Amino acid sequence: MTLEALRGHFYWLTSVVIRTDLQPSEAIIELSSESARATLHLVGVLHARADFSGPDCDFVDEVVVRELPRQGPWPAEARHLLQHHNNRCALQWLTITGPSEVEILAEEFTAD
């Protein structure tokens, strides 16, 4: 699945689970709509931030995953993440916006 498959559906943020007890760490985010479900999986989590506005305000306005290059400049919007740059691999920067916001920087990203 790619994020394009999410287009055209109204999704709710169902759950966010970040496991730092695993090696490598991982984050699993579940989105659901009336007719579809999506699971976003990030491995090698380097940074995570979540701002939940409340239990009744969990609809999703936008889900974006951007690859931050191993070498070369990062976009200005990612400047606050530069301390996590490791030069080992490209990093995946996930942002979910809506009333609640989630931001995760990880080494790998997949979606089901």
N, C-alpha and C. Protein backbone atom coordinates (compact mmCIF):
# COMPACT_ATOMS: atom_id res chain seq x y z
N MET A 1 0.83 -1.18 0.00
CA MET A 1 0.00 0.00 0.00
C MET A 1 0.88 1.24 0.00
N THR A 2 0.47 2.24 -0.73
CA THR A 2 1.11 3.54 -0.68
C THR A 2 0.13 4.52 -0.05
N LEU A 3 0.62 5.68 0.29
CA LEU A 3 -0.27 6.68 0.87
C LEU A 3 -1.33 7.16 -0.12
N GLU A 4 -1.09 6.98 -1.41
CA GLU A 4 -2.08 7.35 -2.41
C GLU A 4 -3.39 6.58 -2.20
N ALA A 5 -3.31 5.37 -1.66
CA ALA A 5 -4.51 4.57 -1.41
C ALA A 5 -5.40 5.21 -0.34
N LEU A 6 -4.84 6.09 0.48
CA LEU A 6 -5.63 6.77 1.51
C LEU A 6 -6.46 7.91 0.95
N ARG A 7 -6.06 8.41 -0.21
CA ARG A 7 -6.73 9.57 -0.81
C ARG A 7 -8.20 9.27 -1.07
N GLY A 8 -9.04 10.25 -0.75
CA GLY A 8 -10.46 10.11 -1.03
C GLY A 8 -11.27 9.48 0.10
N HIS A 9 -10.60 9.09 1.18
CA HIS A 9 -11.30 8.51 2.34
C HIS A 9 -11.19 9.47 3.52
N PHE A 10 -12.17 9.49 4.36
CA PHE A 10 -12.16 10.27 5.59
C PHE A 10 -11.66 9.36 6.70
N TYR A 11 -10.45 9.61 7.20
CA TYR A 11 -9.83 8.73 8.20
C TYR A 11 -9.85 9.33 9.59
N TRP A 12 -9.90 8.41 10.54
CA TRP A 12 -9.77 8.74 11.96
C TRP A 12 -8.47 8.14 12.46
N LEU A 13 -7.82 8.82 13.35
CA LEU A 13 -6.61 8.32 14.00
C LEU A 13 -7.06 7.38 15.11
N THR A 14 -6.88 6.08 14.88
CA THR A 14 -7.40 5.06 15.79
C THR A 14 -6.43 4.79 16.94
N SER A 15 -5.12 4.64 16.62
CA SER A 15 -4.15 4.39 17.68
C SER A 15 -2.75 4.76 17.23
N VAL A 16 -1.93 5.11 18.21
CA VAL A 16 -0.51 5.37 18.01
C VAL A 16 0.22 4.61 19.11
N VAL A 17 1.07 3.67 18.70
CA VAL A 17 1.84 2.87 19.65
C VAL A 17 3.31 3.03 19.29
N ILE A 18 4.11 3.46 20.26
CA ILE A 18 5.55 3.61 20.06
C ILE A 18 6.23 2.66 21.03
N ARG A 19 7.04 1.75 20.49
CA ARG A 19 7.72 0.73 21.29
C ARG A 19 9.21 1.03 21.34
N THR A 20 9.66 1.57 22.46
CA THR A 20 11.09 1.83 22.62
C THR A 20 11.79 0.66 23.30
N ASP A 21 11.02 -0.33 23.74
CA ASP A 21 11.63 -1.50 24.37
C ASP A 21 12.13 -2.51 23.34
N LEU A 22 11.83 -2.29 22.08
CA LEU A 22 12.29 -3.17 21.00
C LEU A 22 13.58 -2.63 20.42
N GLN A 23 14.34 -3.51 19.81
CA GLN A 23 15.57 -3.08 19.14
C GLN A 23 15.53 -3.57 17.71
N PRO A 24 15.33 -2.76 16.70
CA PRO A 24 15.16 -1.32 16.78
C PRO A 24 13.75 -0.94 17.24
N SER A 25 13.63 0.29 17.73
CA SER A 25 12.34 0.78 18.19
C SER A 25 11.38 0.88 17.01
N GLU A 26 10.08 0.92 17.30
CA GLU A 26 9.10 0.99 16.22
C GLU A 26 7.88 1.79 16.65
N ALA A 27 7.16 2.28 15.66
CA ALA A 27 5.90 2.97 15.88
C ALA A 27 4.87 2.36 14.93
N ILE A 28 3.68 2.13 15.45
CA ILE A 28 2.58 1.61 14.65
C ILE A 28 1.41 2.56 14.82
N ILE A 29 0.93 3.08 13.70
CA ILE A 29 -0.18 4.02 13.70
C ILE A 29 -1.31 3.40 12.90
N GLU A 30 -2.49 3.37 13.49
CA GLU A 30 -3.65 2.82 12.79
C GLU A 30 -4.63 3.93 12.48
N LEU A 31 -5.07 3.92 11.22
CA LEU A 31 -6.08 4.85 10.73
C LEU A 31 -7.27 4.02 10.27
N SER A 32 -8.47 4.52 10.47
CA SER A 32 -9.63 3.78 9.99
C SER A 32 -10.67 4.75 9.44
N SER A 33 -11.44 4.23 8.50
CA SER A 33 -12.59 4.95 7.94
C SER A 33 -13.76 3.99 7.97
N GLU A 34 -14.89 4.40 7.46
CA GLU A 34 -16.04 3.51 7.43
C GLU A 34 -15.81 2.30 6.54
N SER A 35 -14.98 2.46 5.51
CA SER A 35 -14.81 1.38 4.54
C SER A 35 -13.38 0.86 4.41
N ALA A 36 -12.44 1.43 5.12
CA ALA A 36 -11.04 1.01 4.94
C ALA A 36 -10.27 1.16 6.24
N ARG A 37 -9.12 0.52 6.26
CA ARG A 37 -8.21 0.56 7.40
C ARG A 37 -6.81 0.66 6.86
N ALA A 38 -5.94 1.39 7.56
CA ALA A 38 -4.54 1.50 7.16
C ALA A 38 -3.67 1.42 8.40
N THR A 39 -2.55 0.71 8.26
CA THR A 39 -1.57 0.63 9.33
C THR A 39 -0.26 1.17 8.81
N LEU A 40 0.27 2.17 9.50
CA LEU A 40 1.55 2.78 9.15
C LEU A 40 2.58 2.25 10.14
N HIS A 41 3.69 1.74 9.62
CA HIS A 41 4.69 1.08 10.45
C HIS A 41 6.03 1.76 10.22
N LEU A 42 6.63 2.25 11.29
CA LEU A 42 7.94 2.89 11.21
C LEU A 42 8.91 2.13 12.10
N VAL A 43 10.09 1.87 11.59
CA VAL A 43 11.11 1.10 12.31
C VAL A 43 12.36 1.98 12.47
N GLY A 44 13.02 1.85 13.60
CA GLY A 44 14.21 2.65 13.87
C GLY A 44 13.83 4.09 14.19
N VAL A 45 12.90 4.25 15.12
CA VAL A 45 12.40 5.58 15.47
C VAL A 45 13.50 6.38 16.15
N LEU A 46 13.73 7.59 15.62
CA LEU A 46 14.73 8.49 16.16
C LEU A 46 14.10 9.67 16.90
N HIS A 47 12.86 9.99 16.55
CA HIS A 47 12.17 11.13 17.15
C HIS A 47 10.68 10.87 17.03
N ALA A 48 9.93 11.19 18.08
CA ALA A 48 8.47 11.08 18.04
C ALA A 48 7.88 12.21 18.87
N ARG A 49 6.83 12.79 18.33
CA ARG A 49 6.10 13.85 19.02
C ARG A 49 4.62 13.67 18.70
N ALA A 50 3.79 13.76 19.73
CA ALA A 50 2.35 13.66 19.52
C ALA A 50 1.66 14.71 20.38
N ASP A 51 0.69 15.36 19.79
CA ASP A 51 -0.11 16.36 20.48
C ASP A 51 -1.57 16.00 20.24
N PHE A 52 -2.17 15.32 21.20
CA PHE A 52 -3.54 14.87 21.07
C PHE A 52 -4.48 15.91 21.65
N SER A 53 -5.44 16.34 20.86
CA SER A 53 -6.34 17.40 21.29
C SER A 53 -7.52 16.90 22.11
N GLY A 54 -7.78 15.62 22.10
CA GLY A 54 -8.88 15.07 22.89
C GLY A 54 -9.43 13.82 22.25
N PRO A 55 -10.21 13.05 22.99
CA PRO A 55 -10.71 11.78 22.48
C PRO A 55 -11.74 11.91 21.36
N ASP A 56 -12.37 13.06 21.23
CA ASP A 56 -13.40 13.22 20.20
C ASP A 56 -12.92 13.97 18.97
N CYS A 57 -11.66 14.33 18.92
CA CYS A 57 -11.14 15.15 17.82
C CYS A 57 -9.99 14.44 17.12
N ASP A 58 -10.21 13.22 16.68
CA ASP A 58 -9.11 12.45 16.13
C ASP A 58 -9.21 12.22 14.63
N PHE A 59 -9.97 13.05 13.89
CA PHE A 59 -10.00 12.88 12.44
C PHE A 59 -8.70 13.41 11.85
N VAL A 60 -8.36 12.92 10.68
CA VAL A 60 -7.09 13.23 10.04
C VAL A 60 -7.34 14.16 8.86
N ASP A 61 -6.63 15.28 8.85
CA ASP A 61 -6.67 16.19 7.70
C ASP A 61 -5.68 15.77 6.63
N GLU A 62 -4.47 15.36 7.07
CA GLU A 62 -3.42 15.06 6.09
C GLU A 62 -2.40 14.11 6.70
N VAL A 63 -1.92 13.18 5.87
CA VAL A 63 -0.83 12.27 6.22
C VAL A 63 0.25 12.47 5.15
N VAL A 64 1.46 12.79 5.60
CA VAL A 64 2.57 13.03 4.67
C VAL A 64 3.79 12.28 5.16
N VAL A 65 4.45 11.57 4.23
CA VAL A 65 5.74 10.95 4.54
C VAL A 65 6.74 11.52 3.54
N ARG A 66 7.80 12.10 4.06
CA ARG A 66 8.84 12.67 3.21
C ARG A 66 10.15 11.96 3.52
N GLU A 67 10.90 11.66 2.48
CA GLU A 67 12.22 11.07 2.68
C GLU A 67 13.23 12.20 2.83
N LEU A 68 13.96 12.15 3.94
CA LEU A 68 15.03 13.12 4.17
C LEU A 68 16.33 12.44 3.76
N PRO A 69 17.06 13.03 2.82
CA PRO A 69 18.20 12.34 2.21
C PRO A 69 19.35 12.08 3.17
N ARG A 70 20.06 11.02 2.86
CA ARG A 70 21.25 10.66 3.64
C ARG A 70 22.30 11.74 3.52
N GLN A 71 22.47 12.21 2.31
CA GLN A 71 23.42 13.30 2.06
C GLN A 71 22.69 14.39 1.33
N GLY A 72 23.16 15.59 1.47
CA GLY A 72 22.50 16.70 0.80
C GLY A 72 21.61 17.46 1.75
N PRO A 73 21.07 18.55 1.30
CA PRO A 73 20.29 19.41 2.21
C PRO A 73 18.92 18.83 2.53
N TRP A 74 18.48 19.09 3.74
CA TRP A 74 17.13 18.77 4.17
C TRP A 74 16.26 20.01 3.96
N PRO A 75 14.96 19.83 3.80
CA PRO A 75 14.09 21.00 3.64
C PRO A 75 14.08 21.85 4.91
N ALA A 76 13.83 23.12 4.75
CA ALA A 76 13.82 24.05 5.88
C ALA A 76 12.83 23.62 6.97
N GLU A 77 11.70 23.01 6.57
CA GLU A 77 10.69 22.59 7.57
C GLU A 77 11.21 21.49 8.48
N ALA A 78 12.26 20.79 8.07
CA ALA A 78 12.81 19.69 8.87
C ALA A 78 14.04 20.11 9.67
N ARG A 79 14.32 21.37 9.68
CA ARG A 79 15.53 21.86 10.36
C ARG A 79 15.57 21.46 11.85
N HIS A 80 14.41 21.41 12.48
CA HIS A 80 14.36 21.04 13.91
C HIS A 80 14.74 19.58 14.15
N LEU A 81 14.88 18.79 13.09
CA LEU A 81 15.23 17.37 13.20
C LEU A 81 16.69 17.08 12.88
N LEU A 82 17.45 18.10 12.52
CA LEU A 82 18.83 17.88 12.05
C LEU A 82 19.71 17.15 13.06
N GLN A 83 19.48 17.31 14.35
CA GLN A 83 20.32 16.62 15.33
C GLN A 83 20.15 15.11 15.27
N HIS A 84 19.11 14.62 14.59
CA HIS A 84 18.88 13.18 14.45
C HIS A 84 19.51 12.60 13.18
N HIS A 85 20.06 13.47 12.34
CA HIS A 85 20.67 13.03 11.08
C HIS A 85 21.86 12.12 11.41
N ASN A 86 21.90 10.94 10.79
CA ASN A 86 22.95 9.98 11.15
C ASN A 86 23.89 9.62 10.00
N ASN A 87 23.65 10.09 8.79
CA ASN A 87 24.47 9.80 7.61
C ASN A 87 24.54 8.31 7.28
N ARG A 88 23.81 7.44 7.97
CA ARG A 88 23.81 6.01 7.65
C ARG A 88 22.80 5.68 6.57
N CYS A 89 21.67 6.38 6.60
CA CYS A 89 20.60 6.07 5.65
C CYS A 89 19.69 7.28 5.50
N ALA A 90 18.90 7.27 4.47
CA ALA A 90 17.84 8.28 4.34
C ALA A 90 16.84 8.03 5.46
N LEU A 91 16.22 9.09 5.94
CA LEU A 91 15.26 8.96 7.03
C LEU A 91 13.86 9.30 6.52
N GLN A 92 12.87 8.69 7.14
CA GLN A 92 11.47 8.88 6.76
C GLN A 92 10.80 9.77 7.80
N TRP A 93 10.20 10.86 7.34
CA TRP A 93 9.58 11.84 8.22
C TRP A 93 8.08 11.81 8.01
N LEU A 94 7.35 11.26 8.96
CA LEU A 94 5.89 11.15 8.91
C LEU A 94 5.27 12.28 9.71
N THR A 95 4.31 12.96 9.10
CA THR A 95 3.51 13.94 9.83
C THR A 95 2.04 13.65 9.56
N ILE A 96 1.27 13.69 10.63
CA ILE A 96 -0.18 13.55 10.55
C ILE A 96 -0.76 14.81 11.17
N THR A 97 -1.62 15.51 10.42
CA THR A 97 -2.22 16.73 10.94
C THR A 97 -3.73 16.58 10.97
N GLY A 98 -4.30 17.28 11.87
CA GLY A 98 -5.73 17.32 12.12
C GLY A 98 -5.85 18.07 13.43
N PRO A 99 -6.92 17.88 14.16
CA PRO A 99 -6.93 18.46 15.50
C PRO A 99 -5.79 17.89 16.36
N SER A 100 -5.48 16.62 16.18
CA SER A 100 -4.31 16.01 16.82
C SER A 100 -3.17 15.98 15.80
N GLU A 101 -1.93 16.06 16.30
CA GLU A 101 -0.78 16.03 15.41
C GLU A 101 0.21 14.97 15.88
N VAL A 102 0.79 14.29 14.89
CA VAL A 102 1.81 13.26 15.16
C VAL A 102 2.97 13.52 14.22
N GLU A 103 4.18 13.42 14.75
CA GLU A 103 5.40 13.56 13.94
C GLU A 103 6.36 12.47 14.37
N ILE A 104 6.83 11.68 13.41
CA ILE A 104 7.77 10.60 13.72
C ILE A 104 8.87 10.61 12.67
N LEU A 105 10.10 10.51 13.13
CA LEU A 105 11.26 10.38 12.25
C LEU A 105 11.84 9.00 12.48
N ALA A 106 11.99 8.23 11.40
CA ALA A 106 12.46 6.83 11.53
C ALA A 106 13.31 6.46 10.34
N GLU A 107 13.95 5.30 10.45
CA GLU A 107 14.81 4.80 9.38
C GLU A 107 14.01 4.12 8.27
N GLU A 108 12.87 3.50 8.60
CA GLU A 108 12.08 2.77 7.60
C GLU A 108 10.61 3.07 7.79
N PHE A 109 9.87 3.05 6.65
CA PHE A 109 8.43 3.28 6.68
C PHE A 109 7.75 2.29 5.73
N THR A 110 6.66 1.68 6.18
CA THR A 110 5.81 0.86 5.32
C THR A 110 4.36 1.13 5.70
N ALA A 111 3.46 0.84 4.77
CA ALA A 111 2.02 1.01 5.03
C ALA A 111 1.28 -0.22 4.52
N ASP A 112 0.31 -0.68 5.29
CA ASP A 112 -0.54 -1.82 4.90
C ASP A 112 -1.97 -1.35 4.78
